[in-house]
Every structure is written in structure tokens, then in C-alpha cells.
């Protein structure tokens, strides 16, 4: 993948997280649809429509997470995770991780970010605790 291509993908992913918009090449609409949840106590609540086989969920499904005022984005072609300031939208740092990072998750207390690496078949842990 070219540098321009990976930059476009990174920009699209960040726009989804920060702006809540969906960007799909060719102008197509997002395949994810929200529908009312009949079991929810709040009548206005919505959940994603069931798509595909939930037992075969790809680790590529969550390449972006928001942790406080920072956005963590898996930059798969560069084997890094970009740390972006949510307010200024500037890249604060690039953290080297395993080969082909595809999924990112935050520890429930917010002190670590976990990255699943597809090709190296590993998990990288990033210390995101600002007090450490």
C-alpha cells in the first residue's frame, strides 16, 4: 500500500471516531444500520443490526479507540499505533508494535491500550497512564 493510500485510510478512520461519519470509497453508504432495541428500557435506544456471523468476528473490526483526550489508531502498513490528540487532531506519537496491528482496545481502567497484531500473532501493550 502506498503512503498516500495509508494516509487516506488513517484520515477516514479518524473521521469516523471524531466526527461520527462514515467514509466508504465510491460514495457508498455504511453497511451498518441502527434499529430500535425492543429490550431497552429507553424507547429511543438503538443497536447495530445483526450482520454476518458474530462468532467469526474479525480482529480488524476495531482499529480505533478513544481513551480520554487521546485517540489510538492502528496504522497497519507502518506496524505502529498512532496516538492522536482528540482536540487538536495532531499526531502526538507513533508507537512501534507487532507486525500488522489490526485491533485496539482499552483496559477498563484506561491505564493501558492493547493492540492485537495479526501476522506476528501477538498482543502489544501500550502504557497510556499519564501519571506513570
N, C-alpha and C. Protein backbone atom coordinates (compact mmCIF):
# COMPACT_ATOMS: atom_id res chain seq x y z
N UNK A 1 0.85 -1.17 0.00
CA UNK A 1 0.00 0.00 0.00
C UNK A 1 0.90 1.23 0.00
N UNK A 2 0.50 2.21 -0.78
CA UNK A 2 1.29 3.43 -0.85
C UNK A 2 1.09 4.28 0.39
N UNK A 3 2.00 5.22 0.59
CA UNK A 3 1.89 6.14 1.74
C UNK A 3 0.61 6.97 1.63
N UNK A 4 0.26 7.39 0.41
CA UNK A 4 -0.96 8.18 0.22
C UNK A 4 -2.20 7.34 0.56
N UNK A 5 -2.16 6.08 0.19
CA UNK A 5 -3.30 5.19 0.49
C UNK A 5 -3.46 4.98 1.97
N UNK A 6 -2.35 4.75 2.68
CA UNK A 6 -2.44 4.54 4.12
C UNK A 6 -2.84 5.82 4.84
N UNK A 7 -2.41 6.96 4.32
CA UNK A 7 -2.81 8.24 4.91
C UNK A 7 -4.30 8.45 4.75
N UNK A 8 -4.85 8.10 3.58
CA UNK A 8 -6.30 8.24 3.35
C UNK A 8 -7.07 7.35 4.31
N UNK A 9 -6.61 6.13 4.49
CA UNK A 9 -7.30 5.20 5.39
C UNK A 9 -7.26 5.73 6.82
N UNK A 10 -6.10 6.22 7.25
CA UNK A 10 -5.98 6.78 8.59
C UNK A 10 -6.93 7.97 8.77
N UNK A 11 -6.98 8.85 7.78
CA UNK A 11 -7.88 10.01 7.86
C UNK A 11 -9.34 9.58 7.92
N UNK A 12 -9.70 8.57 7.15
CA UNK A 12 -11.09 8.08 7.16
C UNK A 12 -11.45 7.49 8.51
N UNK A 13 -10.54 6.72 9.09
CA UNK A 13 -10.81 6.11 10.38
C UNK A 13 -10.93 7.16 11.47
N UNK A 14 -10.06 8.15 11.44
CA UNK A 14 -10.12 9.21 12.45
C UNK A 14 -11.41 10.00 12.30
N UNK A 15 -11.86 10.24 11.06
CA UNK A 15 -13.12 10.98 10.88
C UNK A 15 -14.30 10.20 11.44
N UNK A 16 -14.26 8.89 11.34
CA UNK A 16 -15.34 8.08 11.89
C UNK A 16 -15.40 8.23 13.40
N UNK A 17 -14.23 8.20 14.05
CA UNK A 17 -14.19 8.31 15.51
C UNK A 17 -14.54 9.71 15.98
N UNK A 18 -13.90 10.71 15.39
CA UNK A 18 -14.06 12.07 15.88
C UNK A 18 -15.34 12.74 15.41
N UNK A 19 -15.74 12.47 14.18
CA UNK A 19 -16.90 13.15 13.62
C UNK A 19 -18.15 12.29 13.57
N UNK A 20 -18.00 11.01 13.76
CA UNK A 20 -19.14 10.10 13.72
C UNK A 20 -19.67 9.90 12.31
N UNK A 21 -18.84 10.17 11.30
CA UNK A 21 -19.27 10.00 9.93
C UNK A 21 -18.68 8.73 9.34
N UNK A 22 -19.29 8.27 8.30
CA UNK A 22 -18.84 7.06 7.64
C UNK A 22 -18.27 7.42 6.29
N UNK A 23 -17.06 6.97 6.00
CA UNK A 23 -16.43 7.26 4.71
C UNK A 23 -16.12 5.93 4.05
N UNK A 24 -16.77 5.68 2.93
CA UNK A 24 -16.54 4.44 2.19
C UNK A 24 -16.20 4.82 0.76
N UNK A 25 -15.09 4.28 0.18
CA UNK A 25 -14.73 4.63 -1.19
C UNK A 25 -15.89 4.44 -2.15
N UNK A 26 -15.99 5.31 -3.12
CA UNK A 26 -17.03 5.21 -4.12
C UNK A 26 -18.34 5.85 -3.69
N UNK A 27 -18.36 6.47 -2.52
CA UNK A 27 -19.55 7.18 -2.07
C UNK A 27 -20.65 6.27 -1.55
N UNK A 28 -20.34 5.00 -1.32
CA UNK A 28 -21.37 4.07 -0.83
C UNK A 28 -21.75 4.41 0.60
N UNK A 29 -22.93 4.00 0.99
CA UNK A 29 -23.37 4.23 2.35
C UNK A 29 -22.80 3.14 3.25
N UNK A 30 -22.74 3.43 4.55
CA UNK A 30 -22.22 2.47 5.52
C UNK A 30 -23.11 1.23 5.57
N UNK A 31 -22.53 0.02 5.63
CA UNK A 31 -23.33 -1.19 5.72
C UNK A 31 -23.96 -1.40 7.10
N UNK A 32 -23.57 -0.61 8.09
CA UNK A 32 -24.11 -0.76 9.44
C UNK A 32 -25.34 0.10 9.61
N UNK A 33 -26.43 -0.49 10.03
CA UNK A 33 -27.68 0.22 10.23
C UNK A 33 -28.09 0.09 11.69
N UNK A 34 -28.64 1.14 12.26
CA UNK A 34 -29.14 1.08 13.62
C UNK A 34 -30.63 0.85 13.59
N UNK A 35 -31.10 0.05 14.53
CA UNK A 35 -32.54 -0.19 14.63
C UNK A 35 -32.93 -0.11 16.09
N UNK A 36 -34.18 0.19 16.40
CA UNK A 36 -34.61 0.26 17.80
C UNK A 36 -34.41 -1.07 18.51
N UNK A 37 -34.04 -1.00 19.79
CA UNK A 37 -33.86 -2.19 20.61
C UNK A 37 -35.11 -2.38 21.45
N UNK A 38 -35.93 -3.39 21.15
CA UNK A 38 -37.17 -3.58 21.89
C UNK A 38 -36.95 -3.93 23.36
N UNK A 39 -35.77 -4.45 23.70
CA UNK A 39 -35.50 -4.84 25.08
C UNK A 39 -34.97 -3.68 25.93
N UNK A 40 -34.63 -2.57 25.30
CA UNK A 40 -34.03 -1.45 26.02
C UNK A 40 -35.09 -0.72 26.83
N UNK A 41 -34.70 -0.27 28.03
CA UNK A 41 -35.62 0.49 28.88
C UNK A 41 -35.95 1.82 28.22
N UNK A 42 -34.99 2.39 27.51
CA UNK A 42 -35.20 3.65 26.82
C UNK A 42 -35.73 3.34 25.42
N UNK A 43 -36.92 3.82 25.11
CA UNK A 43 -37.55 3.51 23.83
C UNK A 43 -36.74 4.04 22.65
N UNK A 44 -35.92 5.07 22.86
CA UNK A 44 -35.15 5.66 21.77
C UNK A 44 -33.80 4.99 21.55
N UNK A 45 -33.47 3.98 22.36
CA UNK A 45 -32.16 3.33 22.23
C UNK A 45 -32.10 2.56 20.93
N UNK A 46 -30.89 2.46 20.38
CA UNK A 46 -30.69 1.73 19.13
C UNK A 46 -29.48 0.83 19.28
N UNK A 47 -29.43 -0.20 18.46
CA UNK A 47 -28.27 -1.09 18.45
C UNK A 47 -27.96 -1.44 17.00
N UNK A 48 -26.73 -1.86 16.72
CA UNK A 48 -26.41 -2.23 15.34
C UNK A 48 -27.24 -3.43 14.90
N UNK A 49 -27.64 -3.43 13.64
CA UNK A 49 -28.37 -4.55 13.08
C UNK A 49 -27.43 -5.75 13.00
N UNK A 50 -27.96 -6.94 13.18
CA UNK A 50 -27.15 -8.15 13.12
C UNK A 50 -26.65 -8.34 11.69
N UNK A 51 -25.34 -8.50 11.54
CA UNK A 51 -24.73 -8.68 10.23
C UNK A 51 -23.72 -9.81 10.34
N UNK A 52 -23.71 -10.71 9.38
CA UNK A 52 -22.69 -11.75 9.33
C UNK A 52 -22.82 -12.78 10.44
N UNK A 53 -21.70 -13.38 10.78
CA UNK A 53 -21.62 -14.42 11.79
C UNK A 53 -20.88 -13.88 13.00
N UNK A 54 -21.56 -13.56 14.09
CA UNK A 54 -20.90 -12.96 15.25
C UNK A 54 -19.77 -13.81 15.82
N UNK A 55 -19.81 -15.13 15.63
CA UNK A 55 -18.75 -15.98 16.17
C UNK A 55 -17.47 -15.89 15.35
N UNK A 56 -17.56 -15.30 14.16
CA UNK A 56 -16.39 -15.16 13.30
C UNK A 56 -15.99 -13.70 13.14
N UNK A 57 -16.07 -12.92 14.21
CA UNK A 57 -15.77 -11.50 14.15
C UNK A 57 -14.27 -11.33 13.88
N UNK A 58 -13.95 -10.48 12.94
CA UNK A 58 -12.57 -10.22 12.57
C UNK A 58 -11.90 -9.31 13.59
N UNK A 59 -10.61 -9.52 13.88
CA UNK A 59 -9.91 -8.60 14.77
C UNK A 59 -9.73 -7.23 14.13
N UNK A 60 -10.01 -7.12 12.81
CA UNK A 60 -9.91 -5.84 12.10
C UNK A 60 -11.09 -4.92 12.44
N UNK A 61 -12.01 -5.39 13.24
CA UNK A 61 -13.25 -4.66 13.49
C UNK A 61 -13.07 -3.40 14.32
N UNK A 62 -12.02 -3.27 15.09
CA UNK A 62 -11.87 -2.09 15.96
C UNK A 62 -10.45 -1.52 15.90
N UNK A 63 -10.10 -0.85 14.78
CA UNK A 63 -8.75 -0.30 14.66
C UNK A 63 -8.56 1.04 15.36
N UNK A 64 -9.62 1.58 15.99
CA UNK A 64 -9.55 2.90 16.63
C UNK A 64 -10.22 2.84 17.99
N UNK A 65 -9.60 3.46 19.01
CA UNK A 65 -10.24 3.62 20.31
C UNK A 65 -9.98 5.03 20.82
N UNK A 66 -10.90 5.51 21.61
CA UNK A 66 -10.78 6.80 22.26
C UNK A 66 -10.54 6.54 23.74
N UNK A 67 -9.47 7.14 24.28
CA UNK A 67 -9.13 6.98 25.69
C UNK A 67 -8.87 8.36 26.25
N UNK A 68 -9.85 8.94 26.91
CA UNK A 68 -9.73 10.29 27.42
C UNK A 68 -9.67 11.28 26.28
N UNK A 69 -8.59 12.07 26.24
CA UNK A 69 -8.44 13.06 25.17
C UNK A 69 -7.51 12.58 24.07
N UNK A 70 -7.24 11.27 24.04
CA UNK A 70 -6.37 10.70 23.02
C UNK A 70 -7.07 9.63 22.22
N UNK A 71 -6.75 9.59 20.93
CA UNK A 71 -7.29 8.58 20.01
C UNK A 71 -6.12 7.68 19.62
N UNK A 72 -6.32 6.38 19.75
CA UNK A 72 -5.31 5.40 19.37
C UNK A 72 -5.77 4.71 18.10
N UNK A 73 -4.93 4.77 17.05
CA UNK A 73 -5.30 4.25 15.73
C UNK A 73 -4.25 3.25 15.27
N UNK A 74 -4.70 2.05 14.90
CA UNK A 74 -3.78 1.05 14.35
C UNK A 74 -3.38 1.49 12.95
N UNK A 75 -2.09 1.69 12.74
CA UNK A 75 -1.55 2.05 11.43
C UNK A 75 -0.90 0.79 10.87
N UNK A 76 -1.70 -0.06 10.29
CA UNK A 76 -1.27 -1.39 9.86
C UNK A 76 -0.07 -1.38 8.91
N UNK A 77 -0.05 -0.55 7.85
CA UNK A 77 1.10 -0.60 6.94
C UNK A 77 2.43 -0.24 7.59
N UNK A 78 2.41 0.59 8.64
CA UNK A 78 3.64 1.02 9.29
C UNK A 78 3.97 0.20 10.53
N UNK A 79 3.12 -0.75 10.91
CA UNK A 79 3.31 -1.55 12.12
C UNK A 79 3.44 -0.67 13.36
N UNK A 80 2.60 0.36 13.43
CA UNK A 80 2.61 1.28 14.57
C UNK A 80 1.18 1.55 15.02
N UNK A 81 1.06 2.18 16.18
CA UNK A 81 -0.20 2.75 16.63
C UNK A 81 0.04 4.24 16.75
N UNK A 82 -0.79 5.02 16.07
CA UNK A 82 -0.67 6.47 16.14
C UNK A 82 -1.49 6.96 17.32
N UNK A 83 -0.89 7.82 18.13
CA UNK A 83 -1.58 8.44 19.26
C UNK A 83 -1.91 9.87 18.82
N UNK A 84 -3.20 10.20 18.79
CA UNK A 84 -3.66 11.48 18.26
C UNK A 84 -4.38 12.26 19.36
N UNK A 85 -4.09 13.55 19.46
CA UNK A 85 -4.81 14.42 20.39
C UNK A 85 -6.19 14.67 19.79
N UNK A 86 -7.24 14.35 20.55
CA UNK A 86 -8.61 14.45 20.03
C UNK A 86 -9.03 15.89 19.75
N UNK A 87 -8.51 16.83 20.51
CA UNK A 87 -8.91 18.23 20.32
C UNK A 87 -8.17 18.88 19.16
N UNK A 88 -6.85 18.76 19.13
CA UNK A 88 -6.07 19.42 18.08
C UNK A 88 -5.98 18.57 16.81
N UNK A 89 -6.29 17.27 16.93
CA UNK A 89 -6.22 16.31 15.82
C UNK A 89 -4.81 16.17 15.26
N UNK A 90 -3.83 16.39 16.10
CA UNK A 90 -2.43 16.24 15.72
C UNK A 90 -1.89 14.92 16.26
N UNK A 91 -0.99 14.29 15.49
CA UNK A 91 -0.37 13.05 15.95
C UNK A 91 0.65 13.40 17.03
N UNK A 92 0.45 12.83 18.21
CA UNK A 92 1.36 13.07 19.34
C UNK A 92 2.57 12.14 19.27
N UNK A 93 2.32 10.88 18.90
CA UNK A 93 3.42 9.92 18.80
C UNK A 93 3.01 8.73 17.97
N UNK A 94 4.01 7.98 17.55
CA UNK A 94 3.80 6.71 16.85
C UNK A 94 4.51 5.65 17.67
N UNK A 95 3.78 4.64 18.09
CA UNK A 95 4.32 3.60 18.95
C UNK A 95 4.52 2.34 18.10
N UNK A 96 5.74 1.83 18.06
CA UNK A 96 6.01 0.58 17.34
C UNK A 96 5.35 -0.57 18.08
N UNK A 97 4.66 -1.41 17.32
CA UNK A 97 4.00 -2.60 17.88
C UNK A 97 4.39 -3.80 17.02
N UNK A 98 3.67 -4.89 17.13
CA UNK A 98 3.98 -6.09 16.34
C UNK A 98 3.67 -5.92 14.87
N UNK A 99 3.80 -6.99 14.12
CA UNK A 99 3.59 -6.96 12.68
C UNK A 99 2.10 -7.03 12.37
N UNK A 100 1.62 -6.07 11.59
CA UNK A 100 0.24 -6.00 11.12
C UNK A 100 -0.77 -5.77 12.25
N UNK A 101 -0.66 -4.64 12.98
CA UNK A 101 -1.64 -4.36 14.03
C UNK A 101 -3.02 -4.12 13.42
N UNK A 102 -4.04 -4.76 13.98
CA UNK A 102 -5.38 -4.66 13.37
C UNK A 102 -6.47 -4.28 14.35
N UNK A 103 -6.30 -4.54 15.62
CA UNK A 103 -7.34 -4.24 16.60
C UNK A 103 -6.77 -3.52 17.80
N UNK A 104 -7.55 -2.60 18.35
CA UNK A 104 -7.10 -1.82 19.50
C UNK A 104 -8.21 -1.83 20.55
N UNK A 105 -7.83 -1.99 21.82
CA UNK A 105 -8.80 -1.97 22.92
C UNK A 105 -8.16 -1.27 24.12
N UNK A 106 -9.00 -0.69 24.97
CA UNK A 106 -8.51 0.00 26.17
C UNK A 106 -8.86 -0.84 27.38
N UNK A 107 -7.89 -0.98 28.29
CA UNK A 107 -8.15 -1.65 29.56
C UNK A 107 -9.26 -0.87 30.28
N UNK A 108 -10.16 -1.55 30.97
CA UNK A 108 -11.31 -0.86 31.59
C UNK A 108 -10.96 0.35 32.45
N UNK A 109 -9.81 0.34 33.12
CA UNK A 109 -9.44 1.50 33.93
C UNK A 109 -8.71 2.58 33.12
N UNK A 110 -8.49 2.33 31.83
CA UNK A 110 -7.88 3.31 30.94
C UNK A 110 -6.38 3.45 31.03
N UNK A 111 -5.70 2.60 31.80
CA UNK A 111 -4.26 2.75 32.01
C UNK A 111 -3.41 2.07 30.95
N UNK A 112 -4.01 1.19 30.15
CA UNK A 112 -3.27 0.51 29.09
C UNK A 112 -4.14 0.42 27.84
N UNK A 113 -3.45 0.38 26.70
CA UNK A 113 -4.12 0.14 25.42
C UNK A 113 -3.52 -1.15 24.88
N UNK A 114 -4.39 -2.07 24.49
CA UNK A 114 -3.95 -3.37 23.98
C UNK A 114 -4.12 -3.39 22.47
N UNK A 115 -3.14 -3.94 21.78
CA UNK A 115 -3.14 -3.97 20.32
C UNK A 115 -2.97 -5.42 19.87
N UNK A 116 -3.91 -5.90 19.05
CA UNK A 116 -3.76 -7.25 18.50
C UNK A 116 -3.01 -7.14 17.18
N UNK A 117 -1.96 -7.96 17.05
CA UNK A 117 -1.10 -7.96 15.87
C UNK A 117 -1.35 -9.24 15.09
N UNK A 118 -1.84 -9.10 13.87
CA UNK A 118 -2.30 -10.24 13.09
C UNK A 118 -1.16 -11.17 12.67
N UNK A 119 -0.18 -10.67 11.96
CA UNK A 119 0.86 -11.53 11.40
C UNK A 119 1.80 -12.06 12.48
N UNK A 120 2.18 -11.19 13.44
CA UNK A 120 3.09 -11.66 14.49
C UNK A 120 2.35 -12.46 15.57
N UNK A 121 1.01 -12.55 15.45
CA UNK A 121 0.20 -13.35 16.36
C UNK A 121 0.53 -13.01 17.82
N UNK A 122 0.45 -11.71 18.12
CA UNK A 122 0.82 -11.24 19.45
C UNK A 122 -0.08 -10.10 19.89
N UNK A 123 0.07 -9.71 21.15
CA UNK A 123 -0.64 -8.56 21.70
C UNK A 123 0.41 -7.61 22.25
N UNK A 124 0.35 -6.35 21.81
CA UNK A 124 1.25 -5.32 22.33
C UNK A 124 0.47 -4.52 23.36
N UNK A 125 1.15 -4.11 24.43
CA UNK A 125 0.51 -3.33 25.49
C UNK A 125 1.19 -1.96 25.54
N UNK A 126 0.38 -0.91 25.44
CA UNK A 126 0.88 0.47 25.49
C UNK A 126 0.44 1.08 26.81
N UNK A 127 1.39 1.62 27.56
CA UNK A 127 1.08 2.29 28.81
C UNK A 127 0.47 3.65 28.48
N UNK A 128 -0.81 3.84 28.79
CA UNK A 128 -1.47 5.11 28.49
C UNK A 128 -1.77 5.92 29.74
N UNK A 129 -1.22 5.48 30.86
CA UNK A 129 -1.42 6.19 32.13
C UNK A 129 -0.52 7.42 32.14
N UNK A 130 -1.12 8.60 32.16
CA UNK A 130 -0.34 9.84 32.11
C UNK A 130 0.43 10.09 33.40
N UNK A 131 0.10 9.39 34.49
CA UNK A 131 0.80 9.59 35.75
C UNK A 131 1.99 8.66 35.93
N UNK A 132 2.20 7.73 35.01
CA UNK A 132 3.32 6.78 35.18
C UNK A 132 4.55 7.24 34.44
